[in-house]
């Protein structure tokens, strides 16, 4: 079984932020979180003048996301994880439980922000 990649989000005020990994691009991030690359670029133009689809971010760069992206990403990831599971596989059940707890923690942190 393939373990899902951990995608790190945080909140800055009311803005959802994606924490980039080394050399990630706006196009790659857009594909991961399910938004249009052009929307992501437009939203981040002020913070990163000259940003393009192929621009490479340094690890830990804060990339602003369109509102609602984190919740939509979390829901889609959980649906894919559930669809790939075999009920008899207790290891998968543990991964799903861990992912649900992580998602709950993320939503709790968002409410506290």
Protein backbone atom coordinates (compact mmCIF):
# COMPACT_ATOMS: atom_id res chain seq x y z
CA UNK A 1 0.00 0.00 0.00
CA UNK A 2 1.11 3.53 -0.75
CA UNK A 3 1.08 5.88 2.22
CA UNK A 4 -0.38 9.33 1.48
CA UNK A 5 2.06 12.23 1.33
CA UNK A 6 1.76 14.54 4.31
CA UNK A 7 0.70 17.96 3.09
CA UNK A 8 1.25 20.78 5.56
CA UNK A 9 -1.26 23.59 5.88
CA UNK A 10 -1.53 26.43 8.35
CA UNK A 11 -3.69 29.48 8.80
CA UNK A 12 -2.55 33.12 8.68
CA UNK A 13 -5.55 35.07 9.82
CA UNK A 14 -8.30 33.82 7.53
CA UNK A 15 -5.90 32.78 4.73
CA UNK A 16 -5.02 29.12 4.16
CA UNK A 17 -1.30 28.61 3.65
CA UNK A 18 0.53 25.67 2.09
CA UNK A 19 4.06 25.00 3.35
CA UNK A 20 6.16 24.24 0.29
CA UNK A 21 8.84 21.58 0.15
CA UNK A 22 12.22 22.25 -1.47
CA UNK A 23 11.94 22.94 -5.23
CA UNK A 24 8.14 22.59 -5.37
CA UNK A 25 6.53 24.69 -8.08
CA UNK A 26 3.19 26.53 -8.21
CA UNK A 27 2.07 24.08 -10.90
CA UNK A 28 2.97 21.08 -8.74
CA UNK A 29 1.32 22.54 -5.64
CA UNK A 30 -1.82 23.38 -7.62
CA UNK A 31 -2.04 19.74 -8.78
CA UNK A 32 -1.54 18.44 -5.23
CA UNK A 33 -4.23 20.60 -3.62
CA UNK A 34 -6.63 20.63 -6.59
CA UNK A 35 -6.69 24.29 -7.64
CA UNK A 36 -5.83 26.05 -10.90
CA UNK A 37 -2.18 27.07 -11.12
CA UNK A 38 -3.21 30.46 -12.53
CA UNK A 39 -5.34 31.11 -9.43
CA UNK A 40 -2.46 30.16 -7.15
CA UNK A 41 -0.06 32.42 -9.05
CA UNK A 42 -2.46 35.37 -9.06
CA UNK A 43 -3.02 35.02 -5.32
CA UNK A 44 0.74 34.99 -4.63
CA UNK A 45 1.91 37.64 -7.16
CA UNK A 46 2.23 40.39 -4.54
CA UNK A 47 4.29 38.25 -2.15
CA UNK A 48 6.42 36.69 -4.91
CA UNK A 49 6.81 39.11 -7.86
CA UNK A 50 7.77 37.25 -11.01
CA UNK A 51 6.18 33.98 -9.86
CA UNK A 52 5.52 31.58 -12.76
CA UNK A 53 4.18 28.03 -13.14
CA UNK A 54 7.73 26.66 -13.03
CA UNK A 55 9.12 28.89 -10.23
CA UNK A 56 10.80 26.79 -7.52
CA UNK A 57 10.08 27.45 -3.85
CA UNK A 58 12.46 26.92 -0.96
CA UNK A 59 11.39 24.51 1.79
CA UNK A 60 8.99 26.16 4.21
CA UNK A 61 7.84 28.90 1.82
CA UNK A 62 4.32 30.05 2.68
CA UNK A 63 2.10 29.77 -0.39
CA UNK A 64 -1.35 31.34 -0.07
CA UNK A 65 -4.24 29.13 -1.19
CA UNK A 66 -7.76 29.99 -2.31
CA UNK A 67 -10.22 29.87 0.59
CA UNK A 68 -11.62 26.39 1.28
CA UNK A 69 -8.71 24.51 -0.32
CA UNK A 70 -7.58 22.71 2.85
CA UNK A 71 -11.01 21.28 3.68
CA UNK A 72 -11.57 20.21 0.07
CA UNK A 73 -8.11 18.62 -0.09
CA UNK A 74 -8.68 16.77 3.19
CA UNK A 75 -12.07 15.42 2.08
CA UNK A 76 -10.74 14.24 -1.31
CA UNK A 77 -7.68 12.61 0.31
CA UNK A 78 -9.87 10.73 2.80
CA UNK A 79 -12.17 9.53 0.00
CA UNK A 80 -9.18 8.23 -2.01
CA UNK A 81 -7.72 6.55 1.06
CA UNK A 82 -11.02 4.86 1.93
CA UNK A 83 -11.51 3.69 -1.67
CA UNK A 84 -8.06 2.08 -1.74
CA UNK A 85 -8.48 0.17 1.54
CA UNK A 86 -9.24 -3.50 2.02
CA UNK A 87 -11.46 -3.97 5.12
CA UNK A 88 -9.50 -7.01 6.31
CA UNK A 89 -6.20 -5.09 6.35
CA UNK A 90 -5.75 -3.76 9.88
CA UNK A 91 -2.68 -1.76 8.87
CA UNK A 92 -4.86 0.22 6.42
CA UNK A 93 -7.41 0.76 9.16
CA UNK A 94 -4.67 2.19 11.39
CA UNK A 95 -3.52 4.54 8.59
CA UNK A 96 -7.11 5.70 8.04
CA UNK A 97 -7.61 6.29 11.78
CA UNK A 98 -4.35 8.25 11.95
CA UNK A 99 -5.35 10.32 8.90
CA UNK A 100 -8.75 11.07 10.40
CA UNK A 101 -7.12 12.20 13.65
CA UNK A 102 -4.68 14.38 11.71
CA UNK A 103 -7.57 15.89 9.78
CA UNK A 104 -9.48 16.55 13.01
CA UNK A 105 -6.41 18.22 14.48
CA UNK A 106 -6.07 20.41 11.39
CA UNK A 107 -9.70 21.45 11.56
CA UNK A 108 -9.40 22.16 15.31
CA UNK A 109 -6.35 24.33 14.70
CA UNK A 110 -8.21 26.22 12.01
CA UNK A 111 -11.06 26.96 14.40
CA UNK A 112 -8.62 28.26 16.99
CA UNK A 113 -6.89 30.59 14.51
